[in-house]
Amino acid sequence: MSVKQLHKQWRKDFNEVVFKRDKNKCRVCGKPAVDAHHITDSNEMPNGGYVKENGIAVCKQDCHFKVEWFHITEGEKWNEGL
């Protein structure tokens, strides 16, 4: 298996376990989840941080932007949610 294929499998497995744990709901607003977002940047963890404890299910609307903004600002910008 190539590195690219391995990464795709890790991502697929990560999504499945995070969605299952979060009952396929966005942890911010409760809408249906469409992405499993890394809590700690994937570059800062072994194997890309693909463990369910490092994931949060989010919808693709404002909530995904909120959690991205939280990362970009290193936790200083968060209006509501989590």
Protein backbone atom coordinates (compact mmCIF):
# COMPACT_ATOMS: atom_id res chain seq x y z
CA MET A 1 0.00 0.00 0.00
CA SER A 2 1.38 3.41 -0.95
CA VAL A 3 1.68 6.28 1.54
CA LYS A 4 -1.15 8.07 -0.26
CA GLN A 5 -3.42 5.02 0.00
CA LEU A 6 -2.51 4.57 3.65
CA HIS A 7 -3.37 8.21 4.38
CA LYS A 8 -6.75 7.82 2.63
CA GLN A 9 -7.50 4.73 4.73
CA TRP A 10 -6.53 6.53 7.96
CA ARG A 11 -8.80 9.44 7.01
CA LYS A 12 -11.71 7.11 6.19
CA ASP A 13 -11.32 5.22 9.48
CA PHE A 14 -10.96 8.51 11.39
CA ASN A 15 -14.19 9.87 9.89
CA GLU A 16 -16.08 6.67 10.72
CA VAL A 17 -15.06 6.52 14.39
CA VAL A 18 -15.59 10.26 14.98
CA PHE A 19 -19.02 10.24 13.28
CA LYS A 20 -20.05 7.14 15.25
CA ARG A 21 -18.95 8.67 18.57
CA ASP A 22 -20.69 11.99 17.77
CA LYS A 23 -23.80 10.23 16.42
CA ASN A 24 -23.34 11.86 12.98
CA LYS A 25 -24.16 15.28 14.46
CA CYS A 26 -22.15 18.48 14.39
CA ARG A 27 -20.75 18.97 17.91
CA VAL A 28 -21.23 22.73 17.58
CA CYS A 29 -24.80 23.10 16.29
CA GLY A 30 -26.33 19.59 16.12
CA LYS A 31 -26.89 19.57 12.34
CA PRO A 32 -25.81 16.52 10.32
CA ALA A 33 -22.03 16.21 10.33
CA VAL A 34 -20.10 16.06 7.07
CA ASP A 35 -16.49 16.34 8.26
CA ALA A 36 -14.35 14.98 11.07
CA HIS A 37 -12.10 17.88 12.01
CA HIS A 38 -8.79 17.52 13.86
CA ILE A 39 -8.76 19.20 17.28
CA THR A 40 -4.97 19.34 17.45
CA ASP A 41 -3.36 20.14 14.11
CA SER A 42 -2.67 16.91 12.26
CA ASN A 43 0.91 18.01 11.57
CA GLU A 44 1.64 18.16 15.30
CA MET A 45 0.77 14.53 16.03
CA PRO A 46 2.14 11.14 15.02
CA ASN A 47 0.43 9.56 12.00
CA GLY A 48 -1.47 12.77 11.30
CA GLY A 49 -3.48 12.66 14.52
CA TYR A 50 -5.99 10.18 13.14
CA VAL A 51 -7.41 9.04 16.49
CA LYS A 52 -11.00 9.65 17.57
CA GLU A 53 -9.89 11.61 20.64
CA ASN A 54 -8.41 14.17 18.24
CA GLY A 55 -11.56 14.57 16.17
CA ILE A 56 -14.77 16.54 16.29
CA ALA A 57 -17.71 16.06 13.92
CA VAL A 58 -18.78 19.30 12.24
CA CYS A 59 -21.18 20.47 9.55
CA LYS A 60 -19.81 22.31 6.52
CA GLN A 61 -21.51 25.57 7.31
CA ASP A 62 -20.40 28.15 9.85
CA CYS A 63 -19.33 25.52 12.35
CA HIS A 64 -16.46 24.19 10.25
CA PHE A 65 -15.25 27.76 9.83
CA LYS A 66 -15.57 28.33 13.60
CA VAL A 67 -13.33 25.41 14.48
CA GLU A 68 -10.83 26.37 11.77
CA TRP A 69 -10.74 29.95 13.09
CA PHE A 70 -10.23 28.61 16.61
CA HIS A 71 -7.09 26.81 15.34
CA ILE A 72 -5.81 29.75 13.31
CA THR A 73 -6.07 32.09 16.30
CA GLU A 74 -4.66 29.45 18.69
CA GLY A 75 -7.85 29.38 20.73
CA GLU A 76 -8.31 33.11 21.15
CA LYS A 77 -11.27 33.53 18.78
CA TRP A 78 -14.41 31.59 19.65
CA ASN A 79 -17.81 33.20 19.86
CA GLU A 80 -20.00 30.31 20.91
CA GLY A 81 -20.36 26.59 20.47
CA LEU A 82 -18.02 23.91 21.75
